[in-house]
N, C-alpha and C. Protein backbone atom coordinates (compact mmCIF):
# COMPACT_ATOMS: atom_id res chain seq x y z
N UNK A 1 6.24 -0.45 -62.06
CA UNK A 1 7.06 -0.84 -60.95
C UNK A 1 7.36 -2.34 -61.02
N UNK A 2 8.49 -2.65 -60.48
CA UNK A 2 8.89 -4.05 -60.52
C UNK A 2 8.36 -4.78 -59.29
N UNK A 3 8.49 -6.10 -59.36
CA UNK A 3 8.04 -6.92 -58.22
C UNK A 3 8.88 -6.66 -56.98
N UNK A 4 10.13 -6.36 -57.16
CA UNK A 4 11.00 -6.05 -56.04
C UNK A 4 10.51 -4.79 -55.30
N UNK A 5 10.10 -3.79 -56.04
CA UNK A 5 9.60 -2.55 -55.43
C UNK A 5 8.32 -2.83 -54.64
N UNK A 6 7.41 -3.62 -55.21
CA UNK A 6 6.19 -3.99 -54.51
C UNK A 6 6.49 -4.77 -53.23
N UNK A 7 7.45 -5.69 -53.27
CA UNK A 7 7.81 -6.47 -52.10
C UNK A 7 8.39 -5.58 -51.00
N UNK A 8 9.26 -4.65 -51.38
CA UNK A 8 9.87 -3.73 -50.41
C UNK A 8 8.78 -2.87 -49.76
N UNK A 9 7.87 -2.33 -50.57
CA UNK A 9 6.79 -1.50 -50.05
C UNK A 9 5.87 -2.32 -49.13
N UNK A 10 5.55 -3.54 -49.54
CA UNK A 10 4.67 -4.39 -48.76
C UNK A 10 5.28 -4.70 -47.39
N UNK A 11 6.56 -5.10 -47.35
CA UNK A 11 7.20 -5.45 -46.08
C UNK A 11 7.45 -4.22 -45.21
N UNK A 12 7.76 -3.09 -45.81
CA UNK A 12 7.94 -1.87 -45.00
C UNK A 12 6.60 -1.43 -44.41
N UNK A 13 5.50 -1.60 -45.12
CA UNK A 13 4.18 -1.28 -44.59
C UNK A 13 3.83 -2.20 -43.42
N UNK A 14 4.14 -3.49 -43.54
CA UNK A 14 3.89 -4.45 -42.46
C UNK A 14 4.72 -4.10 -41.23
N UNK A 15 5.99 -3.73 -41.42
CA UNK A 15 6.83 -3.32 -40.29
C UNK A 15 6.29 -2.05 -39.62
N UNK A 16 5.78 -1.12 -40.43
CA UNK A 16 5.21 0.11 -39.87
C UNK A 16 3.96 -0.22 -39.04
N UNK A 17 3.13 -1.16 -39.50
CA UNK A 17 1.95 -1.58 -38.74
C UNK A 17 2.34 -2.24 -37.42
N UNK A 18 3.35 -3.10 -37.45
CA UNK A 18 3.81 -3.77 -36.23
C UNK A 18 4.35 -2.75 -35.24
N UNK A 19 5.13 -1.77 -35.74
CA UNK A 19 5.67 -0.73 -34.89
C UNK A 19 4.54 0.09 -34.26
N UNK A 20 3.54 0.44 -35.04
CA UNK A 20 2.39 1.20 -34.53
C UNK A 20 1.65 0.40 -33.46
N UNK A 21 1.42 -0.88 -33.70
CA UNK A 21 0.72 -1.71 -32.72
C UNK A 21 1.52 -1.81 -31.42
N UNK A 22 2.83 -1.98 -31.52
CA UNK A 22 3.68 -2.06 -30.34
C UNK A 22 3.63 -0.77 -29.53
N UNK A 23 3.70 0.39 -30.22
CA UNK A 23 3.64 1.68 -29.53
C UNK A 23 2.28 1.87 -28.85
N UNK A 24 1.20 1.44 -29.50
CA UNK A 24 -0.14 1.58 -28.91
C UNK A 24 -0.26 0.71 -27.65
N UNK A 25 0.22 -0.53 -27.70
CA UNK A 25 0.16 -1.42 -26.55
C UNK A 25 1.02 -0.87 -25.41
N UNK A 26 2.19 -0.36 -25.71
CA UNK A 26 3.07 0.21 -24.69
C UNK A 26 2.42 1.43 -24.02
N UNK A 27 1.77 2.26 -24.81
CA UNK A 27 1.09 3.43 -24.28
C UNK A 27 -0.08 3.02 -23.36
N UNK A 28 -0.86 2.02 -23.79
CA UNK A 28 -1.96 1.53 -22.96
C UNK A 28 -1.44 0.94 -21.65
N UNK A 29 -0.34 0.20 -21.73
CA UNK A 29 0.24 -0.40 -20.52
C UNK A 29 0.66 0.68 -19.54
N UNK A 30 1.28 1.75 -20.01
CA UNK A 30 1.69 2.84 -19.13
C UNK A 30 0.48 3.52 -18.50
N UNK A 31 -0.58 3.72 -19.29
CA UNK A 31 -1.79 4.36 -18.76
C UNK A 31 -2.45 3.50 -17.69
N UNK A 32 -2.56 2.20 -17.93
CA UNK A 32 -3.21 1.31 -16.97
C UNK A 32 -2.35 1.15 -15.72
N UNK A 33 -1.05 1.05 -15.87
CA UNK A 33 -0.19 0.86 -14.71
C UNK A 33 -0.15 2.09 -13.82
N UNK A 34 -0.54 3.25 -14.33
CA UNK A 34 -0.61 4.45 -13.50
C UNK A 34 -1.70 4.33 -12.45
N UNK A 35 -2.75 3.53 -12.71
CA UNK A 35 -3.85 3.37 -11.76
C UNK A 35 -3.61 2.23 -10.78
N UNK A 36 -2.65 1.36 -11.06
CA UNK A 36 -2.37 0.24 -10.17
C UNK A 36 -1.51 0.71 -9.00
N UNK A 37 -1.66 0.10 -7.84
CA UNK A 37 -0.85 0.53 -6.70
C UNK A 37 0.62 0.17 -6.92
N UNK A 38 1.49 1.06 -6.50
CA UNK A 38 2.92 0.81 -6.65
C UNK A 38 3.38 0.00 -5.45
N UNK A 39 3.07 -1.27 -5.46
CA UNK A 39 3.32 -2.13 -4.32
C UNK A 39 4.58 -2.96 -4.46
N UNK A 40 5.22 -2.95 -5.64
CA UNK A 40 6.37 -3.82 -5.83
C UNK A 40 7.48 -3.55 -4.82
N UNK A 41 7.86 -2.28 -4.67
CA UNK A 41 8.92 -1.96 -3.72
C UNK A 41 8.48 -2.27 -2.29
N UNK A 42 7.24 -1.92 -1.97
CA UNK A 42 6.74 -2.14 -0.62
C UNK A 42 6.69 -3.63 -0.30
N UNK A 43 6.21 -4.44 -1.26
CA UNK A 43 6.10 -5.88 -1.03
C UNK A 43 7.48 -6.49 -0.84
N UNK A 44 8.44 -6.11 -1.69
CA UNK A 44 9.80 -6.63 -1.55
C UNK A 44 10.39 -6.25 -0.20
N UNK A 45 10.19 -4.98 0.20
CA UNK A 45 10.72 -4.52 1.48
C UNK A 45 10.07 -5.27 2.64
N UNK A 46 8.75 -5.46 2.56
CA UNK A 46 8.02 -6.15 3.63
C UNK A 46 8.47 -7.61 3.73
N UNK A 47 8.62 -8.30 2.59
CA UNK A 47 9.07 -9.69 2.60
C UNK A 47 10.47 -9.80 3.19
N UNK A 48 11.34 -8.83 2.85
CA UNK A 48 12.69 -8.85 3.37
C UNK A 48 12.68 -8.67 4.88
N UNK A 49 11.85 -7.73 5.38
CA UNK A 49 11.74 -7.52 6.82
C UNK A 49 11.23 -8.77 7.53
N UNK A 50 10.21 -9.42 6.95
CA UNK A 50 9.65 -10.62 7.56
C UNK A 50 10.68 -11.74 7.59
N UNK A 51 11.46 -11.88 6.50
CA UNK A 51 12.48 -12.92 6.44
C UNK A 51 13.57 -12.66 7.47
N UNK A 52 13.99 -11.38 7.62
CA UNK A 52 15.00 -11.04 8.61
C UNK A 52 14.48 -11.31 10.03
N UNK A 53 13.21 -10.99 10.26
CA UNK A 53 12.63 -11.22 11.59
C UNK A 53 12.59 -12.71 11.90
N UNK A 54 12.24 -13.54 10.91
CA UNK A 54 12.22 -14.99 11.12
C UNK A 54 13.63 -15.50 11.41
N UNK A 55 14.62 -15.01 10.66
CA UNK A 55 16.00 -15.44 10.88
C UNK A 55 16.49 -15.03 12.26
N UNK A 56 16.16 -13.80 12.69
CA UNK A 56 16.57 -13.35 14.01
C UNK A 56 15.91 -14.19 15.10
N UNK A 57 14.65 -14.50 14.91
CA UNK A 57 13.94 -15.31 15.91
C UNK A 57 14.50 -16.72 15.97
N UNK A 58 14.94 -17.24 14.84
CA UNK A 58 15.46 -18.61 14.81
C UNK A 58 16.85 -18.69 15.43
N UNK A 59 17.65 -17.64 15.30
CA UNK A 59 19.02 -17.70 15.76
C UNK A 59 19.27 -16.98 17.09
N UNK A 60 18.26 -16.37 17.67
CA UNK A 60 18.47 -15.70 18.96
C UNK A 60 17.48 -16.25 19.99
N UNK A 61 17.85 -17.36 20.66
CA UNK A 61 16.95 -17.97 21.63
C UNK A 61 16.97 -17.28 22.99
N UNK A 62 17.62 -16.13 23.12
CA UNK A 62 17.68 -15.47 24.42
C UNK A 62 16.30 -14.96 24.80
N UNK A 63 15.95 -15.07 26.09
CA UNK A 63 14.62 -14.64 26.53
C UNK A 63 14.50 -13.13 26.47
N UNK A 64 13.29 -12.66 26.23
CA UNK A 64 13.04 -11.22 26.17
C UNK A 64 13.07 -10.65 27.57
N UNK A 65 13.64 -9.46 27.75
CA UNK A 65 13.67 -8.88 29.08
C UNK A 65 12.26 -8.50 29.52
N UNK A 66 12.00 -8.70 30.83
CA UNK A 66 10.67 -8.38 31.32
C UNK A 66 10.54 -6.87 31.42
N UNK A 67 9.38 -6.32 31.03
CA UNK A 67 9.22 -4.88 31.05
C UNK A 67 9.10 -4.36 32.48
N UNK A 68 9.72 -3.22 32.73
CA UNK A 68 9.61 -2.60 34.05
C UNK A 68 8.27 -1.92 34.15
N UNK A 69 7.72 -1.74 35.36
CA UNK A 69 6.40 -1.14 35.51
C UNK A 69 6.31 0.27 34.94
N UNK A 70 7.43 1.02 34.98
CA UNK A 70 7.38 2.40 34.48
C UNK A 70 7.39 2.46 32.97
N UNK A 71 7.89 1.42 32.29
CA UNK A 71 7.96 1.47 30.83
C UNK A 71 7.00 0.49 30.15
N UNK A 72 5.98 0.05 30.85
CA UNK A 72 5.03 -0.88 30.28
C UNK A 72 4.20 -0.18 29.21
N UNK A 73 4.17 -0.71 27.96
CA UNK A 73 3.37 -0.06 26.93
C UNK A 73 1.89 -0.23 27.21
N UNK A 74 1.06 0.70 26.75
CA UNK A 74 -0.37 0.59 27.00
C UNK A 74 -0.97 -0.58 26.24
N UNK A 75 -2.01 -1.16 26.81
CA UNK A 75 -2.70 -2.25 26.12
C UNK A 75 -3.54 -1.68 25.00
N UNK A 76 -4.08 -2.55 24.17
CA UNK A 76 -4.90 -2.11 23.04
C UNK A 76 -6.14 -1.37 23.52
N UNK A 77 -6.66 -1.74 24.70
CA UNK A 77 -7.84 -1.07 25.23
C UNK A 77 -7.50 0.33 25.73
N UNK A 78 -6.24 0.57 26.13
CA UNK A 78 -5.84 1.86 26.65
C UNK A 78 -5.38 2.82 25.55
N UNK A 79 -5.31 2.37 24.32
CA UNK A 79 -4.83 3.21 23.23
C UNK A 79 -5.77 4.39 23.04
N UNK A 80 -5.21 5.57 23.02
CA UNK A 80 -6.06 6.77 22.90
C UNK A 80 -6.47 6.98 21.45
N UNK A 81 -7.52 7.76 21.30
CA UNK A 81 -8.01 8.09 19.95
C UNK A 81 -6.98 8.93 19.20
N UNK A 82 -6.13 9.67 19.94
CA UNK A 82 -5.11 10.50 19.30
C UNK A 82 -4.14 9.63 18.53
N UNK A 83 -3.76 8.47 19.09
CA UNK A 83 -2.82 7.60 18.38
C UNK A 83 -3.44 7.03 17.12
N UNK A 84 -4.76 6.84 17.10
CA UNK A 84 -5.40 6.33 15.90
C UNK A 84 -5.50 7.42 14.84
N UNK A 85 -5.77 8.65 15.26
CA UNK A 85 -5.90 9.75 14.30
C UNK A 85 -4.56 10.09 13.68
N UNK A 86 -3.49 9.99 14.45
CA UNK A 86 -2.17 10.32 13.92
C UNK A 86 -1.52 9.12 13.24
N UNK A 87 -2.29 8.07 13.01
CA UNK A 87 -1.84 6.90 12.25
C UNK A 87 -0.76 6.11 12.96
N UNK A 88 -0.74 6.11 14.29
CA UNK A 88 0.19 5.31 15.06
C UNK A 88 -0.55 4.07 15.52
N UNK A 89 -0.11 2.86 15.13
CA UNK A 89 -0.81 1.67 15.57
C UNK A 89 -0.66 1.46 17.05
N UNK A 90 -1.64 0.84 17.71
CA UNK A 90 -1.55 0.61 19.14
C UNK A 90 -0.43 -0.35 19.46
N UNK A 91 0.17 -0.17 20.63
CA UNK A 91 1.24 -1.06 21.07
C UNK A 91 0.64 -2.40 21.42
N UNK A 92 1.36 -3.50 21.16
CA UNK A 92 0.82 -4.80 21.51
C UNK A 92 0.74 -4.96 23.02
N UNK A 93 -0.22 -5.74 23.45
CA UNK A 93 -0.43 -5.97 24.87
C UNK A 93 0.71 -6.81 25.43
N UNK A 94 1.25 -6.43 26.60
CA UNK A 94 2.36 -7.21 27.17
C UNK A 94 1.91 -8.53 27.75
N UNK A 95 0.60 -8.79 27.81
CA UNK A 95 0.10 -10.00 28.44
C UNK A 95 0.49 -11.23 27.63
N UNK A 96 0.16 -11.23 26.35
CA UNK A 96 0.44 -12.40 25.51
C UNK A 96 0.63 -11.97 24.07
N UNK A 97 1.88 -12.00 23.55
CA UNK A 97 2.10 -11.55 22.18
C UNK A 97 1.46 -12.47 21.15
N UNK A 98 1.12 -13.70 21.51
CA UNK A 98 0.53 -14.61 20.53
C UNK A 98 -0.98 -14.42 20.42
N UNK A 99 -1.58 -13.71 21.39
CA UNK A 99 -3.02 -13.49 21.36
C UNK A 99 -3.38 -12.53 20.24
N UNK A 100 -4.52 -12.73 19.62
CA UNK A 100 -4.91 -11.93 18.46
C UNK A 100 -5.65 -10.67 18.91
N UNK A 101 -4.89 -9.64 19.40
CA UNK A 101 -5.46 -8.37 19.83
C UNK A 101 -5.48 -7.36 18.69
N UNK A 102 -5.02 -7.74 17.53
CA UNK A 102 -4.87 -6.81 16.42
C UNK A 102 -6.23 -6.31 15.97
N UNK A 103 -6.43 -5.00 16.11
CA UNK A 103 -7.74 -4.47 15.77
C UNK A 103 -7.67 -3.22 14.91
N UNK A 104 -6.59 -3.01 14.19
CA UNK A 104 -6.45 -1.82 13.37
C UNK A 104 -6.14 -2.23 11.93
N UNK A 105 -6.86 -1.62 10.98
CA UNK A 105 -6.62 -1.84 9.56
C UNK A 105 -6.07 -0.54 8.99
N UNK A 106 -4.90 -0.59 8.36
CA UNK A 106 -4.23 0.61 7.86
C UNK A 106 -4.13 0.53 6.34
N UNK A 107 -4.47 1.63 5.66
CA UNK A 107 -4.27 1.70 4.21
C UNK A 107 -2.80 2.04 3.99
N UNK A 108 -2.05 1.13 3.35
CA UNK A 108 -0.62 1.34 3.14
C UNK A 108 -0.30 1.80 1.73
N UNK A 109 -1.22 1.61 0.79
CA UNK A 109 -0.97 2.05 -0.58
C UNK A 109 -2.31 2.33 -1.25
N UNK A 110 -2.37 3.42 -1.96
CA UNK A 110 -3.59 3.80 -2.64
C UNK A 110 -3.91 5.25 -2.41
N UNK A 111 -5.10 5.65 -2.80
CA UNK A 111 -5.51 7.04 -2.74
C UNK A 111 -5.53 7.59 -1.31
N UNK A 112 -5.92 6.80 -0.34
CA UNK A 112 -6.03 7.24 1.05
C UNK A 112 -4.95 6.64 1.94
N UNK A 113 -3.74 6.49 1.43
CA UNK A 113 -2.66 5.86 2.18
C UNK A 113 -2.44 6.57 3.51
N UNK A 114 -2.28 5.79 4.58
CA UNK A 114 -2.05 6.33 5.90
C UNK A 114 -3.28 6.33 6.78
N UNK A 115 -4.47 6.17 6.20
CA UNK A 115 -5.69 6.16 7.01
C UNK A 115 -5.73 4.89 7.85
N UNK A 116 -6.22 5.02 9.08
CA UNK A 116 -6.29 3.91 10.02
C UNK A 116 -7.73 3.71 10.45
N UNK A 117 -8.17 2.44 10.47
CA UNK A 117 -9.54 2.11 10.86
C UNK A 117 -9.51 1.11 12.00
N UNK A 118 -10.07 1.45 13.16
CA UNK A 118 -10.21 0.44 14.22
C UNK A 118 -11.25 -0.59 13.78
N UNK A 119 -10.94 -1.86 13.99
CA UNK A 119 -11.83 -2.92 13.52
C UNK A 119 -12.78 -3.40 14.61
N UNK A 120 -14.09 -3.37 14.32
CA UNK A 120 -15.05 -4.00 15.23
C UNK A 120 -14.99 -5.52 15.02
N UNK A 121 -15.70 -6.31 15.81
CA UNK A 121 -15.66 -7.76 15.64
C UNK A 121 -16.08 -8.22 14.23
N UNK A 122 -16.90 -7.44 13.54
CA UNK A 122 -17.30 -7.78 12.18
C UNK A 122 -17.52 -6.49 11.41
N UNK A 123 -16.93 -6.39 10.21
CA UNK A 123 -17.12 -5.18 9.41
C UNK A 123 -17.03 -5.52 7.93
N UNK A 124 -17.59 -4.63 7.10
CA UNK A 124 -17.51 -4.78 5.66
C UNK A 124 -16.73 -3.61 5.09
N UNK A 125 -16.09 -3.86 3.94
CA UNK A 125 -15.29 -2.84 3.27
C UNK A 125 -15.84 -2.68 1.86
N UNK A 126 -16.02 -1.44 1.41
CA UNK A 126 -16.51 -1.19 0.07
C UNK A 126 -16.74 0.28 -0.17
N UNK A 127 -17.31 0.60 -1.35
CA UNK A 127 -17.58 2.00 -1.71
C UNK A 127 -18.91 2.50 -1.15
N UNK A 128 -19.86 1.61 -0.91
CA UNK A 128 -21.19 2.03 -0.46
C UNK A 128 -21.11 2.62 0.95
N UNK A 129 -21.98 3.58 1.22
CA UNK A 129 -21.95 4.29 2.49
C UNK A 129 -22.41 3.44 3.67
N UNK A 130 -23.08 2.30 3.42
CA UNK A 130 -23.53 1.46 4.53
C UNK A 130 -22.47 0.46 4.99
N UNK A 131 -21.25 0.53 4.45
CA UNK A 131 -20.14 -0.32 4.91
C UNK A 131 -19.55 0.24 6.18
N UNK A 132 -18.91 -0.62 6.96
CA UNK A 132 -18.21 -0.17 8.17
C UNK A 132 -16.99 0.67 7.79
N UNK A 133 -16.29 0.25 6.73
CA UNK A 133 -15.13 0.98 6.22
C UNK A 133 -15.44 1.36 4.77
N UNK A 134 -15.58 2.66 4.52
CA UNK A 134 -15.91 3.17 3.19
C UNK A 134 -14.63 3.68 2.55
N UNK A 135 -14.30 3.14 1.36
CA UNK A 135 -13.08 3.52 0.65
C UNK A 135 -13.49 4.04 -0.73
N UNK A 136 -13.03 5.23 -1.07
CA UNK A 136 -13.37 5.81 -2.37
C UNK A 136 -12.31 5.39 -3.40
N UNK A 137 -12.48 4.20 -3.93
CA UNK A 137 -11.58 3.64 -4.94
C UNK A 137 -12.48 3.06 -6.03
N UNK A 138 -12.30 3.53 -7.26
CA UNK A 138 -13.20 3.10 -8.33
C UNK A 138 -13.08 1.62 -8.66
N UNK A 139 -12.01 0.96 -8.21
CA UNK A 139 -11.82 -0.46 -8.49
C UNK A 139 -12.35 -1.36 -7.37
N UNK A 140 -12.90 -0.76 -6.32
CA UNK A 140 -13.49 -1.53 -5.22
C UNK A 140 -14.99 -1.60 -5.44
N UNK A 141 -15.57 -2.77 -5.22
CA UNK A 141 -17.02 -2.97 -5.37
C UNK A 141 -17.76 -2.26 -4.24
N UNK A 142 -19.07 -2.09 -4.41
CA UNK A 142 -19.85 -1.39 -3.38
C UNK A 142 -19.81 -2.15 -2.05
N UNK A 143 -19.88 -3.47 -2.08
CA UNK A 143 -19.70 -4.31 -0.90
C UNK A 143 -18.64 -5.34 -1.29
N UNK A 144 -17.37 -5.02 -1.04
CA UNK A 144 -16.25 -5.77 -1.60
C UNK A 144 -15.84 -6.96 -0.72
N UNK A 145 -15.59 -6.71 0.55
CA UNK A 145 -15.06 -7.77 1.42
C UNK A 145 -15.59 -7.61 2.84
N UNK A 146 -15.45 -8.71 3.60
CA UNK A 146 -15.87 -8.71 4.99
C UNK A 146 -14.69 -9.18 5.84
N UNK A 147 -14.47 -8.49 6.96
CA UNK A 147 -13.43 -8.88 7.91
C UNK A 147 -14.12 -9.10 9.25
N UNK A 148 -13.91 -10.27 9.83
CA UNK A 148 -14.56 -10.57 11.10
C UNK A 148 -13.66 -11.45 11.95
N UNK A 149 -13.98 -11.50 13.24
CA UNK A 149 -13.22 -12.32 14.17
C UNK A 149 -13.91 -13.67 14.31
N UNK A 150 -13.15 -14.75 14.17
CA UNK A 150 -13.71 -16.09 14.29
C UNK A 150 -13.94 -16.43 15.76
N UNK A 151 -14.56 -17.58 15.99
CA UNK A 151 -14.81 -18.03 17.36
C UNK A 151 -13.50 -18.29 18.11
N UNK A 152 -12.43 -18.61 17.37
CA UNK A 152 -11.13 -18.84 17.98
C UNK A 152 -10.37 -17.55 18.24
N UNK A 153 -10.93 -16.41 17.81
CA UNK A 153 -10.29 -15.12 18.04
C UNK A 153 -9.36 -14.70 16.93
N UNK A 154 -9.38 -15.41 15.79
CA UNK A 154 -8.52 -15.06 14.66
C UNK A 154 -9.32 -14.17 13.70
N UNK A 155 -8.61 -13.26 13.02
CA UNK A 155 -9.26 -12.40 12.03
C UNK A 155 -9.41 -13.16 10.73
N UNK A 156 -10.58 -13.03 10.10
CA UNK A 156 -10.90 -13.74 8.86
C UNK A 156 -11.28 -12.73 7.79
N UNK A 157 -10.77 -12.93 6.57
CA UNK A 157 -11.07 -12.09 5.42
C UNK A 157 -11.90 -12.90 4.44
N UNK A 158 -12.99 -12.31 3.95
CA UNK A 158 -13.88 -13.01 3.02
C UNK A 158 -14.29 -12.06 1.91
N UNK A 159 -14.17 -12.52 0.67
CA UNK A 159 -14.62 -11.74 -0.48
C UNK A 159 -16.14 -11.86 -0.59
N UNK A 160 -16.80 -10.75 -0.88
CA UNK A 160 -18.27 -10.76 -0.98
C UNK A 160 -18.73 -10.76 -2.44
N UNK A 161 -18.05 -11.48 -3.31
CA UNK A 161 -18.43 -11.56 -4.71
C UNK A 161 -18.06 -10.31 -5.48
N UNK A 162 -16.92 -9.71 -5.14
CA UNK A 162 -16.49 -8.48 -5.79
C UNK A 162 -16.10 -8.72 -7.24
N UNK A 163 -16.12 -7.65 -8.02
CA UNK A 163 -15.78 -7.75 -9.45
C UNK A 163 -14.30 -8.01 -9.65
N UNK A 164 -13.44 -7.26 -8.95
CA UNK A 164 -11.99 -7.35 -9.16
C UNK A 164 -11.29 -8.30 -8.21
N UNK A 165 -12.01 -8.91 -7.29
CA UNK A 165 -11.41 -9.90 -6.40
C UNK A 165 -10.73 -9.28 -5.19
N UNK A 166 -10.42 -10.14 -4.23
CA UNK A 166 -9.73 -9.75 -3.00
C UNK A 166 -8.44 -10.56 -2.95
N UNK A 167 -7.34 -9.88 -2.64
CA UNK A 167 -6.03 -10.52 -2.65
C UNK A 167 -5.39 -10.45 -1.27
N UNK A 168 -4.81 -11.56 -0.85
CA UNK A 168 -4.07 -11.63 0.40
C UNK A 168 -2.65 -12.05 0.05
N UNK A 169 -1.69 -11.17 0.31
CA UNK A 169 -0.28 -11.41 -0.06
C UNK A 169 -0.15 -11.78 -1.53
N UNK A 170 -0.80 -11.00 -2.38
CA UNK A 170 -0.73 -11.12 -3.85
C UNK A 170 -1.38 -12.39 -4.41
N UNK A 171 -2.15 -13.11 -3.60
CA UNK A 171 -2.86 -14.30 -4.07
C UNK A 171 -4.35 -14.06 -3.89
N UNK A 172 -5.13 -14.29 -4.96
CA UNK A 172 -6.56 -14.07 -4.88
C UNK A 172 -7.20 -15.13 -3.99
N UNK A 173 -8.11 -14.67 -3.12
CA UNK A 173 -8.76 -15.61 -2.21
C UNK A 173 -10.09 -16.06 -2.82
N UNK A 174 -10.47 -17.30 -2.53
CA UNK A 174 -11.70 -17.85 -3.07
C UNK A 174 -12.77 -17.99 -2.00
N UNK A 175 -12.36 -18.09 -0.76
CA UNK A 175 -13.31 -18.23 0.35
C UNK A 175 -12.74 -17.54 1.57
N UNK A 176 -13.33 -17.76 2.73
CA UNK A 176 -12.81 -17.14 3.96
C UNK A 176 -11.39 -17.64 4.26
N UNK A 177 -10.48 -16.70 4.58
CA UNK A 177 -9.11 -17.05 4.94
C UNK A 177 -8.72 -16.29 6.20
N UNK A 178 -7.85 -16.91 6.99
CA UNK A 178 -7.36 -16.29 8.23
C UNK A 178 -6.26 -15.30 7.85
N UNK A 179 -6.34 -14.10 8.43
CA UNK A 179 -5.30 -13.10 8.18
C UNK A 179 -4.54 -12.84 9.47
N UNK A 180 -3.24 -12.57 9.30
CA UNK A 180 -2.37 -12.32 10.44
C UNK A 180 -1.79 -10.92 10.32
N UNK A 181 -1.36 -10.34 11.41
CA UNK A 181 -0.76 -9.01 11.37
C UNK A 181 0.40 -8.95 10.38
N UNK A 182 0.45 -7.86 9.61
CA UNK A 182 1.53 -7.67 8.65
C UNK A 182 1.23 -8.19 7.27
N UNK A 183 0.17 -8.95 7.08
CA UNK A 183 -0.15 -9.46 5.75
C UNK A 183 -0.77 -8.35 4.91
N UNK A 184 -0.46 -8.36 3.62
CA UNK A 184 -0.94 -7.35 2.69
C UNK A 184 -2.28 -7.78 2.11
N UNK A 185 -3.29 -6.94 2.27
CA UNK A 185 -4.63 -7.18 1.74
C UNK A 185 -4.86 -6.16 0.64
N UNK A 186 -5.21 -6.62 -0.57
CA UNK A 186 -5.45 -5.68 -1.67
C UNK A 186 -6.88 -5.81 -2.15
N UNK A 187 -7.59 -4.68 -2.15
CA UNK A 187 -8.93 -4.58 -2.69
C UNK A 187 -8.86 -3.50 -3.76
N UNK A 188 -9.12 -3.85 -5.01
CA UNK A 188 -9.02 -2.87 -6.09
C UNK A 188 -7.60 -2.34 -6.19
N UNK A 189 -7.45 -1.00 -6.15
CA UNK A 189 -6.12 -0.39 -6.22
C UNK A 189 -5.65 0.07 -4.85
N UNK A 190 -6.28 -0.41 -3.80
CA UNK A 190 -5.94 -0.01 -2.44
C UNK A 190 -5.39 -1.21 -1.67
N UNK A 191 -4.27 -1.00 -0.98
CA UNK A 191 -3.67 -2.07 -0.17
C UNK A 191 -3.81 -1.72 1.31
N UNK A 192 -4.18 -2.74 2.09
CA UNK A 192 -4.37 -2.60 3.53
C UNK A 192 -3.40 -3.51 4.26
N UNK A 193 -3.19 -3.22 5.53
CA UNK A 193 -2.40 -4.11 6.38
C UNK A 193 -3.08 -4.18 7.74
N UNK A 194 -3.16 -5.40 8.27
CA UNK A 194 -3.73 -5.61 9.60
C UNK A 194 -2.63 -5.42 10.62
N UNK A 195 -2.88 -4.56 11.61
CA UNK A 195 -1.87 -4.31 12.65
C UNK A 195 -2.47 -4.47 14.02
């Protein structure tokens, strides 16, 4: 065989190896992405809604109509257990919309999407049965995160040294952070929202 034949064989073998490696990486990526939460559409939709709400609030200074006594929504304390079981978040209290009455954590993406958990003043989230909120997700640590109410009445999220980390609005948290209603909390492959 000539040198030209050896060169052609050598380069075609290298191209075949590169093609094989690319196909293997693509296959692994598809397999791994099947276990990740499909949050891209949800996050984009949520950000768009939040941006529209901010724009509406900025451009509509008209006062809100006062609620009539017959149509007053129930306060968070009056919310029945039926509304929690059917995954309906409690109506906000008409007393003060800025007050932090938010006490429900909802799974919005993951294996148990739609589940609602009423939040006590302090709770832990993880796979272990001694947590306040037990989530069966293989990517969540046994004691993954803690959610508690601060002295000021704000909800605080804290990672408890989990393996995969705790994310708030797609940013990994390093210490205790204040969470507000509507923010996306991700633990493992499960996404939560405070309502």
